[in-house]
Structures are given as structure tokens and as C-alpha cells.
């Protein structure tokens, strides 16, 4: 409830320019005390993945004069998107059901491309 009041204070046009909205659960006691799961990725490893993802983006866009997925225009998004038919159908359903705009569609594809870069896909 408190989150909804806070979000309600943000204007629609400003909120429309935020690419990712994530609900973050409360921190567990063990996480606060430093007891992390053995399979947790440490900050240094995450930093390296981000650096490599940014390098991939710079290489991909070097001929275009841009440096990251965030800088893609709609024309570049169409040129560089790689989305299979199943994903396209799911995105179409989500756009219809949620009433998403063309701007939201482009942002979804930009964020998806960034996640793929972080995961070393394609």
C-alpha cells in the first residue's frame, strides 16, 4: 500500500520513462548478517559480466555511432532485435492485455537485448 502511494506521486510521463519496475522483497535476516547462499554471484563477478556486456554492445554498434542498447532508436531496435516467434506472440499478448504503448514495446526490446548481453546470448 505504501508503494502505491509513492508511485501515485510520480507523474505519468515521468513514470513512462522508467524502463524497469521491480518489486523488491524485504531483506531476510541471514542476508543482513552476511550469510549468503553458496551459489550467490559476488559483486566482482557481476561487474565483469556488465563490463563484457558493454563491450559487446560497443562492438555491435560501432558502425552506427552509438555505444549501448539504451541509445538505440526505434530504427536500430528493428535492425538489431532478435526475437523468436513464440516471444513475439507473448509480447503481442502482453501489449494487448496491458495496453502498452509503442514506446513500451521499444523499451522492452532494449531491456531484453541488455539481459541477453549479460547472459551472453547471441
N, C-alpha and C. Protein backbone atom coordinates (compact mmCIF):
# COMPACT_ATOMS: atom_id res chain seq x y z
N UNK A 1 0.83 -1.20 0.00
CA UNK A 1 0.00 0.00 0.00
C UNK A 1 0.87 1.26 0.00
N UNK A 2 1.91 1.26 0.78
CA UNK A 2 2.79 2.40 0.85
C UNK A 2 3.45 2.65 -0.51
N UNK A 3 3.81 1.59 -1.22
CA UNK A 3 4.44 1.73 -2.53
C UNK A 3 3.48 2.39 -3.51
N UNK A 4 2.21 1.98 -3.49
CA UNK A 4 1.23 2.56 -4.40
C UNK A 4 1.08 4.06 -4.17
N UNK A 5 1.12 4.50 -2.90
CA UNK A 5 1.03 5.93 -2.62
C UNK A 5 2.23 6.66 -3.20
N UNK A 6 3.42 6.06 -3.06
CA UNK A 6 4.64 6.68 -3.58
C UNK A 6 4.58 6.76 -5.11
N UNK A 7 4.22 5.66 -5.75
CA UNK A 7 4.13 5.63 -7.21
C UNK A 7 3.08 6.63 -7.68
N UNK A 8 2.01 6.78 -6.93
CA UNK A 8 0.97 7.73 -7.28
C UNK A 8 1.45 9.17 -7.31
N UNK A 9 2.53 9.46 -6.61
CA UNK A 9 3.09 10.82 -6.60
C UNK A 9 3.90 11.13 -7.85
N UNK A 10 4.34 10.10 -8.54
CA UNK A 10 5.16 10.29 -9.73
C UNK A 10 4.25 10.53 -10.93
N UNK A 11 4.55 11.55 -11.70
CA UNK A 11 3.70 11.86 -12.84
C UNK A 11 3.77 10.77 -13.89
N UNK A 12 2.69 10.59 -14.64
CA UNK A 12 2.61 9.58 -15.69
C UNK A 12 3.74 9.68 -16.71
N UNK A 13 3.99 10.88 -17.28
CA UNK A 13 5.06 10.99 -18.27
C UNK A 13 6.44 10.62 -17.71
N UNK A 14 6.70 10.96 -16.45
CA UNK A 14 7.98 10.60 -15.84
C UNK A 14 8.04 9.09 -15.61
N UNK A 15 6.98 8.53 -15.07
CA UNK A 15 6.93 7.10 -14.82
C UNK A 15 7.07 6.32 -16.12
N UNK A 16 6.56 6.86 -17.21
CA UNK A 16 6.63 6.20 -18.51
C UNK A 16 8.07 6.10 -19.03
N UNK A 17 8.97 6.89 -18.46
CA UNK A 17 10.36 6.89 -18.92
C UNK A 17 11.27 6.01 -18.06
N UNK A 18 10.70 5.34 -17.07
CA UNK A 18 11.47 4.41 -16.26
C UNK A 18 11.34 3.04 -16.90
N UNK A 19 12.48 2.45 -17.28
CA UNK A 19 12.47 1.22 -18.07
C UNK A 19 12.10 -0.03 -17.29
N UNK A 20 12.49 -0.13 -16.05
CA UNK A 20 12.24 -1.35 -15.28
C UNK A 20 11.59 -0.98 -13.95
N UNK A 21 10.51 -1.66 -13.65
CA UNK A 21 9.84 -1.52 -12.36
C UNK A 21 9.92 -2.87 -11.68
N UNK A 22 10.54 -2.93 -10.52
CA UNK A 22 10.73 -4.20 -9.84
C UNK A 22 10.27 -4.08 -8.39
N UNK A 23 9.46 -5.04 -7.96
CA UNK A 23 9.11 -5.13 -6.55
C UNK A 23 10.26 -5.86 -5.85
N UNK A 24 10.78 -5.25 -4.82
CA UNK A 24 11.90 -5.85 -4.10
C UNK A 24 11.39 -6.34 -2.75
N UNK A 25 11.55 -7.65 -2.49
CA UNK A 25 11.07 -8.19 -1.21
C UNK A 25 11.94 -7.69 -0.05
N UNK A 26 11.41 -7.82 1.13
CA UNK A 26 12.16 -7.43 2.32
C UNK A 26 13.42 -8.29 2.43
N UNK A 27 14.46 -7.72 3.00
CA UNK A 27 15.72 -8.43 3.18
C UNK A 27 15.57 -9.42 4.33
N UNK A 28 16.04 -10.64 4.11
CA UNK A 28 15.99 -11.66 5.16
C UNK A 28 17.12 -11.44 6.16
N UNK A 29 16.91 -11.91 7.36
CA UNK A 29 17.90 -11.74 8.41
C UNK A 29 19.27 -12.28 8.01
N UNK A 30 19.31 -13.47 7.42
CA UNK A 30 20.60 -14.08 7.04
C UNK A 30 21.34 -13.22 6.02
N UNK A 31 20.61 -12.54 5.16
CA UNK A 31 21.25 -11.67 4.18
C UNK A 31 21.86 -10.44 4.85
N UNK A 32 21.19 -9.93 5.87
CA UNK A 32 21.69 -8.77 6.59
C UNK A 32 22.96 -9.14 7.36
N UNK A 33 22.99 -10.35 7.91
CA UNK A 33 24.13 -10.77 8.72
C UNK A 33 25.30 -11.26 7.87
N UNK A 34 25.12 -11.31 6.56
CA UNK A 34 26.22 -11.69 5.69
C UNK A 34 26.26 -13.15 5.31
N UNK A 35 25.32 -13.95 5.75
CA UNK A 35 25.26 -15.36 5.38
C UNK A 35 24.59 -15.48 4.03
N UNK A 36 25.38 -15.53 2.97
CA UNK A 36 24.81 -15.61 1.63
C UNK A 36 24.85 -17.05 1.13
N UNK A 37 23.94 -17.40 0.26
CA UNK A 37 23.92 -18.76 -0.29
C UNK A 37 25.23 -19.04 -1.02
N UNK A 38 25.68 -20.30 -1.01
CA UNK A 38 26.95 -20.64 -1.66
C UNK A 38 26.96 -20.39 -3.17
N UNK A 39 25.80 -20.38 -3.80
CA UNK A 39 25.75 -20.18 -5.25
C UNK A 39 25.56 -18.71 -5.64
N UNK A 40 25.57 -17.80 -4.66
CA UNK A 40 25.38 -16.38 -4.95
C UNK A 40 26.58 -15.83 -5.71
N UNK A 41 26.30 -15.01 -6.71
CA UNK A 41 27.35 -14.38 -7.51
C UNK A 41 27.86 -13.15 -6.77
N UNK A 42 29.17 -13.01 -6.64
CA UNK A 42 29.70 -11.86 -5.91
C UNK A 42 29.75 -10.62 -6.81
N UNK A 43 29.94 -9.48 -6.19
CA UNK A 43 29.92 -8.20 -6.92
C UNK A 43 30.98 -8.13 -8.00
N UNK A 44 32.16 -8.68 -7.74
CA UNK A 44 33.24 -8.63 -8.73
C UNK A 44 32.85 -9.40 -10.00
N UNK A 45 32.20 -10.54 -9.82
CA UNK A 45 31.77 -11.34 -10.98
C UNK A 45 30.67 -10.61 -11.75
N UNK A 46 29.76 -10.00 -11.03
CA UNK A 46 28.69 -9.23 -11.69
C UNK A 46 29.30 -8.07 -12.47
N UNK A 47 30.25 -7.38 -11.86
CA UNK A 47 30.92 -6.26 -12.53
C UNK A 47 31.57 -6.72 -13.83
N UNK A 48 32.23 -7.86 -13.82
CA UNK A 48 32.86 -8.38 -15.03
C UNK A 48 31.83 -8.70 -16.12
N UNK A 49 30.69 -9.27 -15.71
CA UNK A 49 29.63 -9.55 -16.69
C UNK A 49 29.12 -8.26 -17.32
N UNK A 50 28.96 -7.22 -16.51
CA UNK A 50 28.48 -5.93 -17.02
C UNK A 50 29.51 -5.34 -17.98
N UNK A 51 30.78 -5.39 -17.62
CA UNK A 51 31.83 -4.86 -18.49
C UNK A 51 31.83 -5.59 -19.83
N UNK A 52 31.73 -6.91 -19.80
CA UNK A 52 31.71 -7.70 -21.05
C UNK A 52 30.46 -7.39 -21.87
N UNK A 53 29.33 -7.23 -21.21
CA UNK A 53 28.09 -6.89 -21.93
C UNK A 53 28.22 -5.53 -22.61
N UNK A 54 28.81 -4.57 -21.91
CA UNK A 54 29.01 -3.25 -22.50
C UNK A 54 29.98 -3.31 -23.68
N UNK A 55 31.01 -4.15 -23.57
CA UNK A 55 31.94 -4.32 -24.68
C UNK A 55 31.22 -4.90 -25.90
N UNK A 56 30.36 -5.89 -25.68
CA UNK A 56 29.59 -6.48 -26.79
C UNK A 56 28.73 -5.42 -27.46
N UNK A 57 28.12 -4.57 -26.65
CA UNK A 57 27.28 -3.52 -27.21
C UNK A 57 28.10 -2.52 -28.02
N UNK A 58 29.24 -2.13 -27.49
CA UNK A 58 30.10 -1.19 -28.23
C UNK A 58 30.53 -1.79 -29.57
N UNK A 59 30.90 -3.07 -29.57
CA UNK A 59 31.30 -3.73 -30.82
C UNK A 59 30.12 -3.80 -31.80
N UNK A 60 28.95 -4.18 -31.30
CA UNK A 60 27.78 -4.32 -32.15
C UNK A 60 27.42 -3.01 -32.82
N UNK A 61 27.50 -1.91 -32.06
CA UNK A 61 27.02 -0.63 -32.55
C UNK A 61 28.12 0.28 -33.10
N UNK A 62 29.36 -0.19 -33.14
CA UNK A 62 30.46 0.66 -33.62
C UNK A 62 30.16 1.30 -34.97
N UNK A 63 29.63 0.55 -35.94
CA UNK A 63 29.34 1.18 -37.24
C UNK A 63 28.21 2.21 -37.18
N UNK A 64 27.40 2.15 -36.15
CA UNK A 64 26.24 3.03 -36.06
C UNK A 64 26.52 4.33 -35.32
N UNK A 65 27.65 4.39 -34.61
CA UNK A 65 27.96 5.61 -33.86
C UNK A 65 27.26 5.70 -32.52
N UNK A 66 26.70 4.60 -32.03
CA UNK A 66 26.12 4.59 -30.69
C UNK A 66 26.89 3.57 -29.87
N UNK A 67 26.72 3.58 -28.56
CA UNK A 67 27.55 2.74 -27.72
C UNK A 67 26.82 1.74 -26.85
N UNK A 68 25.48 1.83 -26.79
CA UNK A 68 24.78 0.91 -25.90
C UNK A 68 23.36 0.65 -26.39
N UNK A 69 22.77 -0.38 -25.82
CA UNK A 69 21.38 -0.70 -26.16
C UNK A 69 20.45 0.45 -25.81
N UNK A 70 20.74 1.15 -24.74
CA UNK A 70 19.89 2.26 -24.31
C UNK A 70 19.83 3.36 -25.36
N UNK A 71 20.88 3.50 -26.16
CA UNK A 71 20.94 4.56 -27.16
C UNK A 71 20.26 4.19 -28.47
N UNK A 72 19.75 2.96 -28.57
CA UNK A 72 19.11 2.55 -29.83
C UNK A 72 17.85 3.36 -30.11
N UNK A 73 17.73 3.80 -31.33
CA UNK A 73 16.49 4.43 -31.78
C UNK A 73 15.55 3.32 -32.24
N UNK A 74 14.28 3.62 -32.47
CA UNK A 74 13.38 2.58 -32.98
C UNK A 74 13.90 1.90 -34.25
N UNK A 75 14.55 2.66 -35.12
CA UNK A 75 15.11 2.07 -36.35
C UNK A 75 16.18 1.03 -36.02
N UNK A 76 17.06 1.36 -35.07
CA UNK A 76 18.10 0.41 -34.67
C UNK A 76 17.51 -0.80 -33.95
N UNK A 77 16.48 -0.57 -33.17
CA UNK A 77 15.83 -1.68 -32.46
C UNK A 77 15.33 -2.69 -33.48
N UNK A 78 14.68 -2.22 -34.53
CA UNK A 78 14.16 -3.13 -35.56
C UNK A 78 15.30 -3.87 -36.26
N UNK A 79 16.40 -3.19 -36.47
CA UNK A 79 17.54 -3.79 -37.17
C UNK A 79 18.25 -4.84 -36.31
N UNK A 80 18.40 -4.59 -35.01
CA UNK A 80 19.20 -5.46 -34.16
C UNK A 80 18.39 -6.41 -33.28
N UNK A 81 17.09 -6.33 -33.32
CA UNK A 81 16.31 -7.23 -32.46
C UNK A 81 16.39 -8.65 -32.99
N UNK A 82 16.45 -9.56 -32.09
CA UNK A 82 16.43 -10.98 -32.43
C UNK A 82 15.43 -11.61 -31.49
N UNK A 83 14.24 -11.81 -31.99
CA UNK A 83 13.18 -12.33 -31.15
C UNK A 83 12.48 -13.45 -31.93
N UNK A 84 12.30 -14.57 -31.28
CA UNK A 84 11.67 -15.70 -31.97
C UNK A 84 10.16 -15.52 -32.00
N UNK A 85 9.49 -16.36 -32.77
CA UNK A 85 8.04 -16.24 -32.98
C UNK A 85 7.27 -16.38 -31.67
N UNK A 86 7.68 -17.31 -30.83
CA UNK A 86 6.99 -17.52 -29.55
C UNK A 86 7.09 -16.29 -28.66
N UNK A 87 8.27 -15.69 -28.61
CA UNK A 87 8.47 -14.48 -27.80
C UNK A 87 7.68 -13.31 -28.37
N UNK A 88 7.65 -13.21 -29.70
CA UNK A 88 6.88 -12.15 -30.35
C UNK A 88 5.40 -12.27 -30.01
N UNK A 89 4.88 -13.49 -30.02
CA UNK A 89 3.48 -13.72 -29.67
C UNK A 89 3.21 -13.34 -28.22
N UNK A 90 4.12 -13.74 -27.33
CA UNK A 90 3.95 -13.41 -25.91
C UNK A 90 3.97 -11.89 -25.70
N UNK A 91 4.87 -11.21 -26.40
CA UNK A 91 4.95 -9.76 -26.29
C UNK A 91 3.70 -9.09 -26.85
N UNK A 92 3.18 -9.62 -27.94
CA UNK A 92 1.94 -9.08 -28.51
C UNK A 92 0.79 -9.22 -27.52
N UNK A 93 0.68 -10.40 -26.90
CA UNK A 93 -0.38 -10.62 -25.90
C UNK A 93 -0.25 -9.66 -24.73
N UNK A 94 0.98 -9.49 -24.26
CA UNK A 94 1.22 -8.59 -23.12
C UNK A 94 0.85 -7.15 -23.48
N UNK A 95 1.22 -6.73 -24.68
CA UNK A 95 0.90 -5.37 -25.10
C UNK A 95 -0.60 -5.16 -25.19
N UNK A 96 -1.29 -6.16 -25.73
CA UNK A 96 -2.75 -6.05 -25.87
C UNK A 96 -3.42 -6.06 -24.50
N UNK A 97 -3.04 -7.01 -23.68
CA UNK A 97 -3.67 -7.17 -22.36
C UNK A 97 -3.39 -5.98 -21.45
N UNK A 98 -2.16 -5.46 -21.50
CA UNK A 98 -1.77 -4.38 -20.59
C UNK A 98 -1.92 -2.99 -21.21
N UNK A 99 -2.25 -2.95 -22.49
CA UNK A 99 -2.42 -1.66 -23.16
C UNK A 99 -1.11 -0.89 -23.26
N UNK A 100 -0.03 -1.60 -23.57
CA UNK A 100 1.28 -0.95 -23.64
C UNK A 100 1.44 -0.13 -24.92
N UNK A 101 2.24 0.90 -24.83
CA UNK A 101 2.47 1.81 -25.95
C UNK A 101 3.61 1.31 -26.83
N UNK A 102 3.79 1.97 -27.97
CA UNK A 102 4.92 1.66 -28.85
C UNK A 102 6.24 1.94 -28.12
N UNK A 103 6.24 2.99 -27.30
CA UNK A 103 7.44 3.30 -26.52
C UNK A 103 7.75 2.16 -25.55
N UNK A 104 6.74 1.60 -24.93
CA UNK A 104 6.94 0.47 -24.02
C UNK A 104 7.48 -0.73 -24.78
N UNK A 105 6.97 -0.97 -25.97
CA UNK A 105 7.45 -2.08 -26.80
C UNK A 105 8.95 -1.92 -27.07
N UNK A 106 9.35 -0.72 -27.46
CA UNK A 106 10.76 -0.47 -27.73
C UNK A 106 11.61 -0.66 -26.48
N UNK A 107 11.12 -0.18 -25.34
CA UNK A 107 11.87 -0.32 -24.09
C UNK A 107 12.01 -1.78 -23.70
N UNK A 108 10.95 -2.55 -23.89
CA UNK A 108 11.02 -3.98 -23.58
C UNK A 108 12.11 -4.64 -24.42
N UNK A 109 12.17 -4.31 -25.69
CA UNK A 109 13.19 -4.90 -26.56
C UNK A 109 14.61 -4.45 -26.18
N UNK A 110 14.77 -3.20 -25.77
CA UNK A 110 16.08 -2.72 -25.33
C UNK A 110 16.53 -3.46 -24.07
N UNK A 111 15.64 -3.55 -23.10
CA UNK A 111 15.98 -4.23 -21.85
C UNK A 111 16.25 -5.71 -22.12
N UNK A 112 15.45 -6.32 -22.99
CA UNK A 112 15.65 -7.73 -23.34
C UNK A 112 17.02 -7.94 -23.98
N UNK A 113 17.41 -7.04 -24.86
CA UNK A 113 18.72 -7.14 -25.51
C UNK A 113 19.83 -7.02 -24.47
N UNK A 114 19.65 -6.15 -23.49
CA UNK A 114 20.64 -5.98 -22.43
C UNK A 114 20.74 -7.24 -21.57
N UNK A 115 19.60 -7.84 -21.24
CA UNK A 115 19.62 -9.07 -20.46
C UNK A 115 20.33 -10.17 -21.26
N UNK A 116 20.06 -10.25 -22.56
CA UNK A 116 20.73 -11.25 -23.39
C UNK A 116 22.23 -10.99 -23.42
N UNK A 117 22.65 -9.73 -23.48
CA UNK A 117 24.08 -9.42 -23.45
C UNK A 117 24.70 -9.85 -22.13
N UNK A 118 24.00 -9.63 -21.04
CA UNK A 118 24.51 -10.03 -19.73
C UNK A 118 24.60 -11.55 -19.61
N UNK A 119 23.70 -12.24 -20.25
CA UNK A 119 23.68 -13.71 -20.21
C UNK A 119 24.51 -14.32 -21.34
N UNK A 120 25.15 -13.46 -22.14
CA UNK A 120 26.00 -13.91 -23.26
C UNK A 120 25.21 -14.67 -24.32
N UNK A 121 24.01 -14.20 -24.61
CA UNK A 121 23.18 -14.86 -25.63
C UNK A 121 23.33 -14.14 -26.96
N UNK A 122 23.43 -14.92 -28.02
CA UNK A 122 23.53 -14.41 -29.40
C UNK A 122 24.52 -13.31 -29.53
